[in-house]
Amino acid sequence: MILSGKARLAGVIGWPVSHSKSPRLHGYWLENMGIDGTYLPLAIEPENFEAAVRGLMHSGFGGVNVTVPHKEAALAFCDEVDPLAKRIGAVNTIVFKNGRSYGSNTDAFGFIENLKQGAEKLDFSLGFSGLKTVVLGAGGASRGVIVALQDAGVQNIILVNRTRERAEVLAADLSSGADGMITVADWDDRNNVLNGCDLLVNTTSLGMAGQPPLELSLDKLPKSCVVTDIVYAPLVTPLLALAKERGNKIVDGLGMLLHQARPGFEAWFGEKPEVTEDLRKFVLES
């Protein structure tokens, strides 16, 4: 596509950023919608983050996505931050308007929309309010997932992390003012807490390509439990493969990446994008 002088500009800031699938994802939507615009990968070192964002804001950009290690810096930088991003403690989407920056976090949206689309494709019901949910991991990704679950109405969340203290800090932080409760369980008890579980979410990097395996027995996991992994490399992680083999419904993590991109794209380019099977295939080809 040939850009005009009126082309709309956006991008993703990270360090490094060469691994990001966002330019391919947004490029697909731009091309298919015939939009005069572009989405660029922007490798910005942490010490240059603020200067770079200010430069983009005054250079015609509509905004940017923010990936590691800049999400917390983006939270501190933005002139206004939505309440959800404040709860999660990170900003991944910035919109520039009239010389001001507006920060949000779309990870929670992406997680829930991926689950909903997975339920629709696999023809199963997922009534969030009554779910007993086990979340593995207490890192930054876990914060977004737990906030998403809370806002969807889940009132029974069991948080399991290799370092219990970190899980307790996260549970105390996110339980404040929220309906329901977050219970912390020891990592050594991770197999037992699966008894009666309705939704199992892995937010750790365990099982990801190049990372140690996730050592987890699913013997006590009900066959009715839905299992999802936010990792998408590989697309079907060992956890998902094992769950599928024993008859559980599974939802892979790619859809979270795709859905979290939708709000930013609409804000910067003025069109509502859709997550389709053709899009999934296109992104996976990379």
C-alpha atoms as a PDB file:
ATOM      1  CA  MET A   1       0.000   0.000   0.000  1.00  0.00           C
ATOM      2  CA  ILE A   2       1.310   3.472  -0.916  1.00  0.00           C
ATOM      3  CA  LEU A   3       0.945   5.968   1.928  1.00  0.00           C
ATOM      4  CA  SER A   4      -0.250   9.535   1.394  1.00  0.00           C
ATOM      5  CA  GLY A   5       0.722  12.646   3.317  1.00  0.00           C
ATOM      6  CA  LYS A   6      -2.440  12.125   5.356  1.00  0.00           C
ATOM      7  CA  ALA A   7      -1.525   8.603   6.458  1.00  0.00           C
ATOM      8  CA  ARG A   8      -2.435   7.671  10.030  1.00  0.00           C
ATOM      9  CA  LEU A   9       0.531   6.525  12.109  1.00  0.00           C
ATOM     10  CA  ALA A  10       0.847   4.168  15.077  1.00  0.00           C
ATOM     11  CA  GLY A  11       3.332   1.612  16.332  1.00  0.00           C
ATOM     12  CA  VAL A  12       4.643  -0.547  19.143  1.00  0.00           C
ATOM     13  CA  ILE A  13       7.417   0.484  21.528  1.00  0.00           C
ATOM     14  CA  GLY A  14       9.598  -2.175  23.115  1.00  0.00           C
ATOM     15  CA  TRP A  15      13.191  -3.134  23.882  1.00  0.00           C
ATOM     16  CA  PRO A  16      13.730  -5.350  22.041  1.00  0.00           C
ATOM     17  CA  VAL A  17      10.755  -5.226  19.675  1.00  0.00           C
ATOM     18  CA  SER A  18      11.849  -7.400  16.745  1.00  0.00           C
ATOM     19  CA  HIS A  19       9.918 -10.389  18.144  1.00  0.00           C
ATOM     20  CA  SER A  20       6.592  -8.524  18.236  1.00  0.00           C
ATOM     21  CA  LYS A  21       3.758  -9.854  16.107  1.00  0.00           C
ATOM     22  CA  SER A  22       1.835  -6.586  16.435  1.00  0.00           C
ATOM     23  CA  PRO A  23       3.123  -4.980  13.191  1.00  0.00           C
ATOM     24  CA  ARG A  24       2.021  -8.053  11.223  1.00  0.00           C
ATOM     25  CA  LEU A  25      -1.332  -8.101  13.013  1.00  0.00           C
ATOM     26  CA  HIS A  26      -2.133  -4.425  12.529  1.00  0.00           C
ATOM     27  CA  GLY A  27      -0.700  -4.516   9.015  1.00  0.00           C
ATOM     28  CA  TYR A  28      -3.199  -7.240   8.127  1.00  0.00           C
ATOM     29  CA  TRP A  29      -6.124  -5.106   9.265  1.00  0.00           C
ATOM     30  CA  LEU A  30      -4.798  -1.989   7.532  1.00  0.00           C
ATOM     31  CA  GLU A  31      -4.345  -3.833   4.253  1.00  0.00           C
ATOM     32  CA  ASN A  32      -7.684  -5.616   4.346  1.00  0.00           C
ATOM     33  CA  MET A  33      -9.604  -2.461   5.225  1.00  0.00           C
ATOM     34  CA  GLY A  34      -7.754  -0.335   2.691  1.00  0.00           C
ATOM     35  CA  ILE A  35      -6.742   2.210   5.323  1.00  0.00           C
ATOM     36  CA  ASP A  36      -4.201   4.894   4.513  1.00  0.00           C
ATOM     37  CA  GLY A  37      -1.933   4.231   7.474  1.00  0.00           C
ATOM     38  CA  THR A  38       0.937   2.242   8.925  1.00  0.00           C
ATOM     39  CA  TYR A  39       1.962   0.570  12.189  1.00  0.00           C
ATOM     40  CA  LEU A  40       5.687   0.512  12.960  1.00  0.00           C
ATOM     41  CA  PRO A  41       7.961  -1.457  15.301  1.00  0.00           C
ATOM     42  CA  LEU A  42       9.877   1.062  17.434  1.00  0.00           C
ATOM     43  CA  ALA A  43      12.927  -0.194  19.347  1.00  0.00           C
ATOM     44  CA  ILE A  44      13.336   2.274  22.217  1.00  0.00           C
ATOM     45  CA  GLU A  45      15.782   1.810  25.095  1.00  0.00           C
ATOM     46  CA  PRO A  46      14.309   2.344  28.579  1.00  0.00           C
ATOM     47  CA  GLU A  47      16.296   5.527  29.264  1.00  0.00           C
ATOM     48  CA  ASN A  48      14.897   7.086  26.080  1.00  0.00           C
ATOM     49  CA  PHE A  49      11.272   6.089  26.619  1.00  0.00           C
ATOM     50  CA  GLU A  50       9.802   9.421  27.713  1.00  0.00           C
ATOM     51  CA  ALA A  51      11.644  11.477  25.102  1.00  0.00           C
ATOM     52  CA  ALA A  52      10.663   9.031  22.356  1.00  0.00           C
ATOM     53  CA  VAL A  53       6.970   9.036  23.283  1.00  0.00           C
ATOM     54  CA  ARG A  54       6.870  12.826  23.435  1.00  0.00           C
ATOM     55  CA  GLY A  55       8.533  12.960  20.027  1.00  0.00           C
ATOM     56  CA  LEU A  56       5.971  10.577  18.539  1.00  0.00           C
ATOM     57  CA  MET A  57       3.116  12.524  20.089  1.00  0.00           C
ATOM     58  CA  HIS A  58       4.293  15.672  18.313  1.00  0.00           C
ATOM     59  CA  SER A  59       5.135  13.899  15.039  1.00  0.00           C
ATOM     60  CA  GLY A  60       1.651  13.017  13.855  1.00  0.00           C
ATOM     61  CA  PHE A  61       1.283   9.611  15.549  1.00  0.00           C
ATOM     62  CA  GLY A  62      -2.166   8.663  16.810  1.00  0.00           C
ATOM     63  CA  GLY A  63      -0.636   6.552  19.550  1.00  0.00           C
ATOM     64  CA  VAL A  64       1.358   3.451  20.347  1.00  0.00           C
ATOM     65  CA  ASN A  65       1.236   0.064  21.954  1.00  0.00           C
ATOM     66  CA  VAL A  66       3.744  -0.486  24.733  1.00  0.00           C
ATOM     67  CA  THR A  67       5.393  -3.811  25.467  1.00  0.00           C
ATOM     68  CA  VAL A  68       8.151  -4.963  27.836  1.00  0.00           C
ATOM     69  CA  PRO A  69       9.971  -3.356  29.537  1.00  0.00           C
ATOM     70  CA  HIS A  70       8.025  -0.105  29.206  1.00  0.00           C
ATOM     71  CA  LYS A  71       4.526  -0.830  30.552  1.00  0.00           C
ATOM     72  CA  GLU A  72       5.113   0.600  34.019  1.00  0.00           C
ATOM     73  CA  ALA A  73       6.964   3.605  32.608  1.00  0.00           C
ATOM     74  CA  ALA A  74       3.971   4.250  30.358  1.00  0.00           C
ATOM     75  CA  LEU A  75       1.687   4.214  33.393  1.00  0.00           C
ATOM     76  CA  ALA A  76       3.765   6.969  35.005  1.00  0.00           C
ATOM     77  CA  PHE A  77       4.110   8.931  31.760  1.00  0.00           C
ATOM     78  CA  CYS A  78       0.523   9.305  30.581  1.00  0.00           C
ATOM     79  CA  ASP A  79      -1.430  12.452  31.348  1.00  0.00           C
ATOM     80  CA  GLU A  80      -4.529  10.367  32.015  1.00  0.00           C
ATOM     81  CA  VAL A  81      -4.816   6.661  32.827  1.00  0.00           C
ATOM     82  CA  ASP A  82      -8.039   4.686  32.917  1.00  0.00           C
ATOM     83  CA  PRO A  83      -9.025   2.965  36.198  1.00  0.00           C
ATOM     84  CA  LEU A  84      -8.513  -0.538  34.788  1.00  0.00           C
ATOM     85  CA  ALA A  85      -4.887   0.171  33.863  1.00  0.00           C
ATOM     86  CA  LYS A  86      -4.314   1.610  37.333  1.00  0.00           C
ATOM     87  CA  ARG A  87      -5.623  -1.592  38.925  1.00  0.00           C
ATOM     88  CA  ILE A  88      -3.423  -3.730  36.687  1.00  0.00           C
ATOM     89  CA  GLY A  89      -0.471  -1.428  37.294  1.00  0.00           C
ATOM     90  CA  ALA A  90       0.586  -1.131  33.665  1.00  0.00           C
ATOM     91  CA  VAL A  91      -0.312   0.608  30.401  1.00  0.00           C
ATOM     92  CA  ASN A  92      -0.060  -1.190  27.070  1.00  0.00           C
ATOM     93  CA  THR A  93      -1.989   1.245  24.845  1.00  0.00           C
ATOM     94  CA  ILE A  94      -1.499   5.004  24.516  1.00  0.00           C
ATOM     95  CA  VAL A  95      -3.688   7.346  22.488  1.00  0.00           C
ATOM     96  CA  PHE A  96      -2.455  10.837  21.628  1.00  0.00           C
ATOM     97  CA  LYS A  97      -5.013  13.622  21.370  1.00  0.00           C
ATOM     98  CA  ASN A  98      -4.539  17.398  21.402  1.00  0.00           C
ATOM     99  CA  GLY A  99      -1.043  17.152  22.814  1.00  0.00           C
ATOM    100  CA  ARG A 100      -2.029  14.837  25.672  1.00  0.00           C
ATOM    101  CA  SER A 101      -1.523  11.127  26.250  1.00  0.00           C
ATOM    102  CA  TYR A 102      -4.228   8.721  27.404  1.00  0.00           C
ATOM    103  CA  GLY A 103      -3.186   5.333  28.749  1.00  0.00           C
ATOM    104  CA  SER A 104      -5.163   2.117  28.996  1.00  0.00           C
ATOM    105  CA  ASN A 105      -4.568  -1.583  29.410  1.00  0.00           C
ATOM    106  CA  THR A 106      -6.318  -3.917  26.963  1.00  0.00           C
ATOM    107  CA  ASP A 107      -4.850  -7.202  28.228  1.00  0.00           C
ATOM    108  CA  ALA A 108      -7.874  -7.923  30.427  1.00  0.00           C
ATOM    109  CA  PHE A 109     -10.191  -7.244  27.492  1.00  0.00           C
ATOM    110  CA  GLY A 110      -8.108  -9.508  25.265  1.00  0.00           C
ATOM    111  CA  PHE A 111      -8.140 -12.356  27.776  1.00  0.00           C
ATOM    112  CA  ILE A 112     -11.921 -12.333  28.284  1.00  0.00           C
ATOM    113  CA  GLU A 113     -12.715 -11.870  24.592  1.00  0.00           C
ATOM    114  CA  ASN A 114     -10.457 -14.810  23.755  1.00  0.00           C
ATOM    115  CA  LEU A 115     -12.286 -17.004  26.259  1.00  0.00           C
ATOM    116  CA  LYS A 116     -15.664 -15.911  24.918  1.00  0.00           C
ATOM    117  CA  GLN A 117     -14.647 -16.588  21.316  1.00  0.00           C
ATOM    118  CA  GLY A 118     -13.211 -19.952  22.332  1.00  0.00           C
ATOM    119  CA  ALA A 119     -16.463 -20.871  24.052  1.00  0.00           C
ATOM    120  CA  GLU A 120     -18.427 -19.871  20.969  1.00  0.00           C
ATOM    121  CA  LYS A 121     -16.209 -21.897  18.623  1.00  0.00           C
ATOM    122  CA  LEU A 122     -16.258 -24.975  20.853  1.00  0.00           C
ATOM    123  CA  ASP A 123     -19.938 -24.590  21.729  1.00  0.00           C
ATOM    124  CA  PHE A 124     -19.676 -24.565  25.509  1.00  0.00           C
ATOM    125  CA  SER A 125     -21.132 -22.291  28.183  1.00  0.00           C
ATOM    126  CA  LEU A 126     -18.910 -20.192  30.425  1.00  0.00           C
ATOM    127  CA  GLY A 127     -20.974 -18.498  33.129  1.00  0.00           C
ATOM    128  CA  PHE A 128     -18.221 -16.598  34.898  1.00  0.00           C
ATOM    129  CA  SER A 129     -19.957 -15.793  38.180  1.00  0.00           C
ATOM    130  CA  GLY A 130     -20.080 -19.378  39.389  1.00  0.00           C
ATOM    131  CA  LEU A 131     -16.634 -20.501  38.271  1.00  0.00           C
ATOM    132  CA  LYS A 132     -14.016 -21.923  40.580  1.00  0.00           C
ATOM    133  CA  THR A 133     -10.874 -20.666  38.867  1.00  0.00           C
ATOM    134  CA  VAL A 134      -7.251 -21.627  39.435  1.00  0.00           C
ATOM    135  CA  VAL A 135      -4.647 -19.147  38.177  1.00  0.00           C
ATOM    136  CA  LEU A 136      -1.030 -20.273  37.919  1.00  0.00           C
ATOM    137  CA  GLY A 137       1.516 -17.466  38.260  1.00  0.00           C
ATOM    138  CA  ALA A 138       1.659 -14.098  40.016  1.00  0.00           C
ATOM    139  CA  GLY A 139       3.570 -11.954  37.523  1.00  0.00           C
ATOM    140  CA  GLY A 140       2.442  -8.988  35.457  1.00  0.00           C
ATOM    141  CA  ALA A 141       0.346 -11.133  33.130  1.00  0.00           C
ATOM    142  CA  SER A 142      -1.462 -12.644  36.103  1.00  0.00           C
ATOM    143  CA  ARG A 143      -2.601  -9.201  37.269  1.00  0.00           C
ATOM    144  CA  GLY A 144      -4.401  -8.546  33.992  1.00  0.00           C
ATOM    145  CA  VAL A 145      -6.007 -11.992  33.979  1.00  0.00           C
ATOM    146  CA  ILE A 146      -7.249 -11.750  37.564  1.00  0.00           C
ATOM    147  CA  VAL A 147      -8.681  -8.254  37.045  1.00  0.00           C
ATOM    148  CA  ALA A 148     -10.441  -9.524  33.919  1.00  0.00           C
ATOM    149  CA  LEU A 149     -11.919 -12.451  35.832  1.00  0.00           C
ATOM    150  CA  GLN A 150     -13.054 -10.214  38.693  1.00  0.00           C
ATOM    151  CA  ASP A 151     -14.767  -7.799  36.331  1.00  0.00           C
ATOM    152  CA  ALA A 152     -16.443 -10.723  34.554  1.00  0.00           C
ATOM    153  CA  GLY A 153     -17.966 -11.786  37.879  1.00  0.00           C
ATOM    154  CA  VAL A 154     -15.693 -14.624  39.017  1.00  0.00           C
ATOM    155  CA  GLN A 155     -15.801 -14.703  42.818  1.00  0.00           C
ATOM    156  CA  ASN A 156     -13.672 -17.740  43.617  1.00  0.00           C
ATOM    157  CA  ILE A 157     -10.056 -17.450  42.444  1.00  0.00           C
ATOM    158  CA  ILE A 158      -7.235 -19.624  43.726  1.00  0.00           C
ATOM    159  CA  LEU A 159      -3.803 -18.171  42.998  1.00  0.00           C
ATOM    160  CA  VAL A 160      -0.816 -20.505  42.886  1.00  0.00           C
ATOM    161  CA  ASN A 161       2.756 -19.285  42.434  1.00  0.00           C
ATOM    162  CA  ARG A 162       6.216 -20.725  42.915  1.00  0.00           C
ATOM    163  CA  THR A 163       6.945 -17.902  45.381  1.00  0.00           C
ATOM    164  CA  ARG A 164       4.039 -17.779  47.819  1.00  0.00           C
ATOM    165  CA  GLU A 165       4.932 -14.343  49.178  1.00  0.00           C
ATOM    166  CA  ARG A 166       4.579 -12.764  45.741  1.00  0.00           C
ATOM    167  CA  ALA A 167       1.167 -14.387  45.318  1.00  0.00           C
ATOM    168  CA  GLU A 168       0.032 -13.112  48.714  1.00  0.00           C
ATOM    169  CA  VAL A 169       1.042  -9.550  47.856  1.00  0.00           C
ATOM    170  CA  LEU A 170      -0.832  -9.744  44.549  1.00  0.00           C
ATOM    171  CA  ALA A 171      -3.917 -11.298  46.149  1.00  0.00           C
ATOM    172  CA  ALA A 172      -4.050  -8.638  48.869  1.00  0.00           C
ATOM    173  CA  ASP A 173      -3.630  -5.867  46.300  1.00  0.00           C
ATOM    174  CA  LEU A 174      -6.332  -7.088  43.932  1.00  0.00           C
ATOM    175  CA  SER A 175      -8.779  -8.204  46.625  1.00  0.00           C
ATOM    176  CA  SER A 176      -9.111  -4.661  47.950  1.00  0.00           C
ATOM    177  CA  GLY A 177     -12.543  -3.329  47.039  1.00  0.00           C
ATOM    178  CA  ALA A 178     -13.358  -6.310  44.798  1.00  0.00           C
ATOM    179  CA  ASP A 179     -16.238  -8.734  45.076  1.00  0.00           C
ATOM    180  CA  GLY A 180     -15.329 -12.309  45.910  1.00  0.00           C
ATOM    181  CA  MET A 181     -11.963 -13.397  47.153  1.00  0.00           C
ATOM    182  CA  ILE A 182      -8.543 -14.566  46.015  1.00  0.00           C
ATOM    183  CA  THR A 183      -7.148 -17.533  47.923  1.00  0.00           C
ATOM    184  CA  VAL A 184      -3.428 -18.295  47.807  1.00  0.00           C
ATOM    185  CA  ALA A 185      -2.245 -21.908  47.677  1.00  0.00           C
ATOM    186  CA  ASP A 186       1.280 -23.309  47.931  1.00  0.00           C
ATOM    187  CA  TRP A 187       3.005 -24.341  44.716  1.00  0.00           C
ATOM    188  CA  ASP A 188       3.481 -27.819  46.205  1.00  0.00           C
ATOM    189  CA  ASP A 189      -0.320 -28.063  46.488  1.00  0.00           C
ATOM    190  CA  ARG A 190      -0.975 -27.088  42.843  1.00  0.00           C
ATOM    191  CA  ASN A 191      -2.187 -30.548  41.836  1.00  0.00           C
ATOM    192  CA  ASN A 192      -4.689 -30.811  44.696  1.00  0.00           C
ATOM    193  CA  VAL A 193      -6.372 -27.426  44.186  1.00  0.00           C
ATOM    194  CA  LEU A 194      -7.493 -28.573  40.724  1.00  0.00           C
ATOM    195  CA  ASN A 195     -10.187 -30.690  42.372  1.00  0.00           C
ATOM    196  CA  GLY A 196     -13.542 -29.135  41.443  1.00  0.00           C
ATOM    197  CA  CYS A 197     -11.926 -26.535  39.203  1.00  0.00           C
ATOM    198  CA  ASP A 198     -14.070 -25.006  36.413  1.00  0.00           C
ATOM    199  CA  LEU A 199     -11.406 -22.862  34.733  1.00  0.00           C
ATOM    200  CA  LEU A 200      -7.626 -23.347  34.804  1.00  0.00           C
ATOM    201  CA  VAL A 201      -5.419 -20.485  33.582  1.00  0.00           C
ATOM    202  CA  ASN A 202      -1.653 -20.688  33.159  1.00  0.00           C
ATOM    203  CA  THR A 203      -0.061 -17.230  33.165  1.00  0.00           C
ATOM    204  CA  THR A 204       3.504 -18.448  33.746  1.00  0.00           C
ATOM    205  CA  SER A 205       6.146 -18.876  31.057  1.00  0.00           C
ATOM    206  CA  LEU A 206       6.503 -22.548  32.011  1.00  0.00           C
ATOM    207  CA  GLY A 207       5.821 -24.693  28.958  1.00  0.00           C
ATOM    208  CA  MET A 208       6.727 -21.902  26.552  1.00  0.00           C
ATOM    209  CA  ALA A 209       9.284 -22.639  23.851  1.00  0.00           C
ATOM    210  CA  GLY A 210      12.742 -22.377  25.377  1.00  0.00           C
ATOM    211  CA  GLN A 211      11.422 -22.397  28.969  1.00  0.00           C
ATOM    212  CA  PRO A 212      11.275 -25.175  31.589  1.00  0.00           C
ATOM    213  CA  PRO A 213       8.190 -27.421  31.480  1.00  0.00           C
ATOM    214  CA  LEU A 214       5.133 -26.870  33.628  1.00  0.00           C
ATOM    215  CA  GLU A 215       5.097 -29.846  35.956  1.00  0.00           C
ATOM    216  CA  LEU A 216       1.422 -30.295  36.717  1.00  0.00           C
ATOM    217  CA  SER A 217      -0.736 -33.397  37.152  1.00  0.00           C
ATOM    218  CA  LEU A 218      -4.278 -33.102  35.835  1.00  0.00           C
ATOM    219  CA  ASP A 219      -5.491 -36.282  37.551  1.00  0.00           C
ATOM    220  CA  LYS A 220      -7.808 -34.342  39.874  1.00  0.00           C
ATOM    221  CA  LEU A 221      -9.001 -31.892  37.230  1.00  0.00           C
ATOM    222  CA  PRO A 222     -12.663 -32.428  36.244  1.00  0.00           C
ATOM    223  CA  LYS A 223     -13.201 -33.280  32.582  1.00  0.00           C
ATOM    224  CA  SER A 224     -15.647 -30.366  32.456  1.00  0.00           C
ATOM    225  CA  CYS A 225     -12.930 -27.836  33.311  1.00  0.00           C
ATOM    226  CA  VAL A 226     -11.862 -25.351  30.620  1.00  0.00           C
ATOM    227  CA  VAL A 227      -8.089 -24.966  30.315  1.00  0.00           C
ATOM    228  CA  THR A 228      -6.372 -21.938  28.810  1.00  0.00           C
ATOM    229  CA  ASP A 229      -2.760 -20.843  28.520  1.00  0.00           C
ATOM    230  CA  ILE A 230      -1.746 -17.266  27.701  1.00  0.00           C
ATOM    231  CA  VAL A 231       1.396 -18.619  26.016  1.00  0.00           C
ATOM    232  CA  TYR A 232       1.079 -18.974  22.220  1.00  0.00           C
ATOM    233  CA  ALA A 233       4.562 -20.263  21.334  1.00  0.00           C
ATOM    234  CA  PRO A 234       3.925 -23.113  20.922  1.00  0.00           C
ATOM    235  CA  LEU A 235       0.280 -22.556  20.072  1.00  0.00           C
ATOM    236  CA  VAL A 236      -0.729 -25.792  21.784  1.00  0.00           C
ATOM    237  CA  THR A 237       1.429 -25.929  24.892  1.00  0.00           C
ATOM    238  CA  PRO A 238       2.126 -29.223  26.672  1.00  0.00           C
ATOM    239  CA  LEU A 239      -0.530 -28.231  29.236  1.00  0.00           C
ATOM    240  CA  LEU A 240      -3.154 -27.707  26.542  1.00  0.00           C
ATOM    241  CA  ALA A 241      -2.146 -30.879  24.721  1.00  0.00           C
ATOM    242  CA  LEU A 242      -2.488 -32.948  27.898  1.00  0.00           C
ATOM    243  CA  ALA A 243      -5.825 -31.343  28.769  1.00  0.00           C
ATOM    244  CA  LYS A 244      -7.211 -31.918  25.282  1.00  0.00           C
ATOM    245  CA  GLU A 245      -6.050 -35.544  25.293  1.00  0.00           C
ATOM    246  CA  ARG A 246      -8.020 -36.250  28.476  1.00  0.00           C
ATOM    247  CA  GLY A 247     -11.163 -34.548  27.126  1.00  0.00           C
ATOM    248  CA  ASN A 248     -11.035 -31.000  28.504  1.00  0.00           C
ATOM    249  CA  LYS A 249     -12.030 -27.997  26.402  1.00  0.00           C
ATOM    250  CA  ILE A 250      -8.966 -25.847  25.656  1.00  0.00           C
ATOM    251  CA  VAL A 251      -8.444 -22.246  24.526  1.00  0.00           C
ATOM    252  CA  ASP A 252      -4.995 -21.261  23.238  1.00  0.00           C
ATOM    253  CA  GLY A 253      -3.314 -17.945  24.018  1.00  0.00           C
ATOM    254  CA  LEU A 254      -3.062 -16.450  20.531  1.00  0.00           C
ATOM    255  CA  GLY A 255      -6.537 -14.952  20.691  1.00  0.00           C
ATOM    256  CA  MET A 256      -5.582 -12.862  23.731  1.00  0.00           C
ATOM    257  CA  LEU A 257      -2.868 -11.180  21.649  1.00  0.00           C
ATOM    258  CA  LEU A 258      -5.266 -10.596  18.762  1.00  0.00           C
ATOM    259  CA  HIS A 259      -8.190  -9.279  20.791  1.00  0.00           C
ATOM    260  CA  GLN A 260      -6.122  -6.952  22.966  1.00  0.00           C
ATOM    261  CA  ALA A 261      -5.095  -5.122  19.785  1.00  0.00           C
ATOM    262  CA  ARG A 262      -8.662  -4.216  18.784  1.00  0.00           C
ATOM    263  CA  PRO A 263      -9.291  -1.145  21.009  1.00  0.00           C
ATOM    264  CA  GLY A 264      -6.020   0.537  20.020  1.00  0.00           C
ATOM    265  CA  PHE A 265      -6.550  -0.063  16.321  1.00  0.00           C
ATOM    266  CA  GLU A 266     -10.026   1.461  16.480  1.00  0.00           C
ATOM    267  CA  ALA A 267      -8.743   4.511  18.369  1.00  0.00           C
ATOM    268  CA  TRP A 268      -5.841   5.165  15.976  1.00  0.00           C
ATOM    269  CA  PHE A 269      -7.326   4.180  12.623  1.00  0.00           C
ATOM    270  CA  GLY A 270     -11.053   4.763  13.105  1.00  0.00           C
ATOM    271  CA  GLU A 271     -12.308   1.289  12.153  1.00  0.00           C
ATOM    272  CA  LYS A 272     -13.425  -1.697  14.241  1.00  0.00           C
ATOM    273  CA  PRO A 273     -11.284  -4.752  13.383  1.00  0.00           C
ATOM    274  CA  GLU A 274     -12.375  -8.376  13.725  1.00  0.00           C
ATOM    275  CA  VAL A 275     -10.494 -11.448  14.897  1.00  0.00           C
ATOM    276  CA  THR A 276     -11.047 -14.126  12.264  1.00  0.00           C
ATOM    277  CA  GLU A 277      -9.583 -17.512  11.414  1.00  0.00           C
ATOM    278  CA  ASP A 278      -7.818 -15.952   8.427  1.00  0.00           C
ATOM    279  CA  LEU A 279      -6.171 -13.448  10.766  1.00  0.00           C
ATOM    280  CA  ARG A 280      -5.044 -16.223  13.109  1.00  0.00           C
ATOM    281  CA  LYS A 281      -3.498 -18.139  10.226  1.00  0.00           C
ATOM    282  CA  PHE A 282      -1.764 -15.024   8.898  1.00  0.00           C
ATOM    283  CA  VAL A 283      -0.204 -14.175  12.263  1.00  0.00           C
ATOM    284  CA  LEU A 284       0.846 -17.782  12.867  1.00  0.00           C
ATOM    285  CA  GLU A 285       2.628 -17.910   9.530  1.00  0.00           C
ATOM    286  CA  SER A 286       5.228 -15.563  10.966  1.00  0.00           C
END
